[in-house]
């Protein structure tokens, strides 16, 4: 049996890979930041804040 410890952020436009242990879990999905978990609904939440990723 292989245990998954890392996965892509559930935000569709995000490029980040996140550790499941450190991720923000919302609705049984894993996100790299609160902005991604919120769906980038606020103008202040453009991007996830991680270098090289410009998700929206």
N, C-alpha and C. Protein backbone atom coordinates (compact mmCIF):
# COMPACT_ATOMS: atom_id res chain seq x y z
N UNK A 1 0.84 -1.18 0.00
CA UNK A 1 0.00 0.00 0.00
C UNK A 1 0.88 1.24 0.00
N UNK A 2 0.54 2.20 -0.84
CA UNK A 2 1.29 3.45 -0.94
C UNK A 2 0.42 4.57 -0.37
N UNK A 3 0.99 5.34 0.53
CA UNK A 3 0.27 6.46 1.13
C UNK A 3 0.59 7.74 0.37
N UNK A 4 -0.42 8.49 0.00
CA UNK A 4 -0.25 9.77 -0.67
C UNK A 4 0.01 10.83 0.39
N UNK A 5 1.10 11.59 0.23
CA UNK A 5 1.43 12.64 1.19
C UNK A 5 1.44 14.02 0.55
N UNK A 6 1.49 14.09 -0.78
CA UNK A 6 1.53 15.36 -1.51
C UNK A 6 0.51 15.28 -2.64
N UNK A 7 -0.12 16.42 -2.94
CA UNK A 7 -1.03 16.46 -4.08
C UNK A 7 -1.16 17.89 -4.58
N UNK A 8 -1.66 18.03 -5.82
CA UNK A 8 -1.87 19.34 -6.39
C UNK A 8 -2.99 20.05 -5.63
N UNK A 9 -2.83 21.33 -5.43
CA UNK A 9 -3.87 22.15 -4.82
C UNK A 9 -5.16 21.97 -5.62
N UNK A 10 -6.29 21.90 -4.95
CA UNK A 10 -7.58 21.66 -5.60
C UNK A 10 -8.08 22.86 -6.41
N UNK A 11 -7.46 24.01 -6.25
CA UNK A 11 -7.80 25.19 -7.05
C UNK A 11 -7.42 24.89 -8.50
N UNK A 12 -8.37 24.98 -9.42
CA UNK A 12 -8.14 24.56 -10.81
C UNK A 12 -7.00 25.29 -11.49
N UNK A 13 -6.82 26.59 -11.24
CA UNK A 13 -5.78 27.34 -11.93
C UNK A 13 -4.46 27.39 -11.17
N UNK A 14 -4.41 26.82 -9.98
CA UNK A 14 -3.21 26.83 -9.15
C UNK A 14 -2.21 25.77 -9.62
N UNK A 15 -0.92 26.11 -9.53
CA UNK A 15 0.14 25.20 -9.93
C UNK A 15 0.80 24.51 -8.73
N UNK A 16 0.41 24.85 -7.54
CA UNK A 16 1.09 24.38 -6.33
C UNK A 16 0.80 22.92 -6.00
N UNK A 17 1.83 22.27 -5.47
CA UNK A 17 1.69 20.94 -4.89
C UNK A 17 1.83 21.13 -3.39
N UNK A 18 0.92 20.56 -2.65
CA UNK A 18 0.85 20.81 -1.21
C UNK A 18 0.95 19.50 -0.43
N UNK A 19 1.59 19.58 0.72
CA UNK A 19 1.64 18.45 1.64
C UNK A 19 0.26 18.31 2.28
N UNK A 20 -0.28 17.14 2.26
CA UNK A 20 -1.60 16.92 2.86
C UNK A 20 -1.60 17.30 4.34
N UNK A 21 -0.49 17.08 5.00
CA UNK A 21 -0.39 17.41 6.43
C UNK A 21 -0.46 18.92 6.68
N UNK A 22 0.00 19.73 5.71
CA UNK A 22 0.03 21.19 5.87
C UNK A 22 -1.09 21.90 5.13
N UNK A 23 -1.86 21.19 4.34
CA UNK A 23 -2.88 21.80 3.49
C UNK A 23 -4.07 22.30 4.28
N UNK A 24 -4.80 23.21 3.66
CA UNK A 24 -6.08 23.66 4.19
C UNK A 24 -7.13 22.76 3.56
N UNK A 25 -7.89 22.06 4.39
CA UNK A 25 -8.88 21.11 3.89
C UNK A 25 -10.27 21.74 3.94
N UNK A 26 -10.91 21.80 2.79
CA UNK A 26 -12.28 22.32 2.66
C UNK A 26 -13.06 21.36 1.79
N UNK A 27 -14.20 20.92 2.23
CA UNK A 27 -15.07 20.03 1.46
C UNK A 27 -14.32 18.81 0.91
N UNK A 28 -13.50 18.21 1.76
CA UNK A 28 -12.72 17.03 1.40
C UNK A 28 -11.73 17.26 0.26
N UNK A 29 -11.30 18.50 0.06
CA UNK A 29 -10.28 18.83 -0.92
C UNK A 29 -9.16 19.59 -0.22
N UNK A 30 -7.96 19.52 -0.79
CA UNK A 30 -6.78 20.12 -0.17
C UNK A 30 -6.30 21.32 -0.96
N UNK A 31 -6.05 22.41 -0.25
CA UNK A 31 -5.64 23.68 -0.86
C UNK A 31 -4.33 24.16 -0.24
N UNK A 32 -3.57 24.94 -1.03
CA UNK A 32 -2.28 25.45 -0.56
C UNK A 32 -2.42 26.73 0.24
N UNK A 33 -3.55 27.43 0.10
CA UNK A 33 -3.74 28.70 0.80
C UNK A 33 -5.22 28.92 1.08
N UNK A 34 -5.50 29.83 1.98
CA UNK A 34 -6.89 30.16 2.29
C UNK A 34 -7.57 30.81 1.09
N UNK A 35 -6.82 31.62 0.32
CA UNK A 35 -7.39 32.26 -0.87
C UNK A 35 -7.89 31.21 -1.86
N UNK A 36 -7.11 30.16 -2.07
CA UNK A 36 -7.54 29.08 -2.97
C UNK A 36 -8.75 28.36 -2.38
N UNK A 37 -8.73 28.10 -1.10
CA UNK A 37 -9.85 27.40 -0.45
C UNK A 37 -11.13 28.22 -0.53
N UNK A 38 -11.00 29.56 -0.52
CA UNK A 38 -12.16 30.45 -0.61
C UNK A 38 -12.64 30.63 -2.05
N UNK A 39 -11.88 30.12 -3.01
CA UNK A 39 -12.26 30.28 -4.42
C UNK A 39 -11.90 31.64 -4.99
N UNK A 40 -10.98 32.36 -4.33
CA UNK A 40 -10.53 33.68 -4.79
C UNK A 40 -11.72 34.63 -4.98
N UNK A 41 -12.65 34.61 -4.06
CA UNK A 41 -13.88 35.40 -4.19
C UNK A 41 -13.66 36.90 -3.93
N UNK A 42 -12.67 37.25 -3.15
CA UNK A 42 -12.41 38.65 -2.84
C UNK A 42 -11.32 39.19 -3.73
N UNK A 43 -11.37 40.45 -4.06
CA UNK A 43 -10.34 41.08 -4.90
C UNK A 43 -8.96 40.97 -4.25
N UNK A 44 -8.92 40.91 -2.92
CA UNK A 44 -7.65 40.79 -2.18
C UNK A 44 -7.06 39.39 -2.32
N UNK A 45 -7.82 38.43 -2.83
CA UNK A 45 -7.38 37.05 -2.88
C UNK A 45 -6.98 36.61 -4.29
N UNK A 46 -6.38 37.51 -5.05
CA UNK A 46 -5.85 37.15 -6.36
C UNK A 46 -4.55 36.41 -6.13
N UNK A 47 -4.43 35.22 -6.66
CA UNK A 47 -3.22 34.42 -6.47
C UNK A 47 -3.20 33.79 -5.10
N UNK A 48 -2.26 32.86 -4.93
CA UNK A 48 -2.16 32.15 -3.66
C UNK A 48 -1.02 32.66 -2.79
N UNK A 49 -0.17 33.50 -3.38
CA UNK A 49 0.94 34.06 -2.62
C UNK A 49 2.22 33.25 -2.72
N UNK A 50 2.20 32.15 -3.45
CA UNK A 50 3.40 31.34 -3.61
C UNK A 50 4.14 31.75 -4.88
N UNK A 51 5.45 31.89 -4.77
CA UNK A 51 6.28 32.34 -5.88
C UNK A 51 6.10 31.44 -7.11
N UNK A 52 5.91 32.08 -8.26
CA UNK A 52 5.78 31.37 -9.52
C UNK A 52 4.37 30.90 -9.86
N UNK A 53 3.43 31.12 -8.97
CA UNK A 53 2.05 30.70 -9.23
C UNK A 53 1.18 31.94 -9.32
N UNK A 54 0.40 32.03 -10.39
CA UNK A 54 -0.48 33.19 -10.58
C UNK A 54 -1.93 32.78 -10.69
N UNK A 55 -2.35 31.86 -9.85
CA UNK A 55 -3.73 31.39 -9.93
C UNK A 55 -4.72 32.50 -9.65
N UNK A 56 -5.93 32.29 -10.14
CA UNK A 56 -7.00 33.27 -9.93
C UNK A 56 -8.29 32.56 -9.59
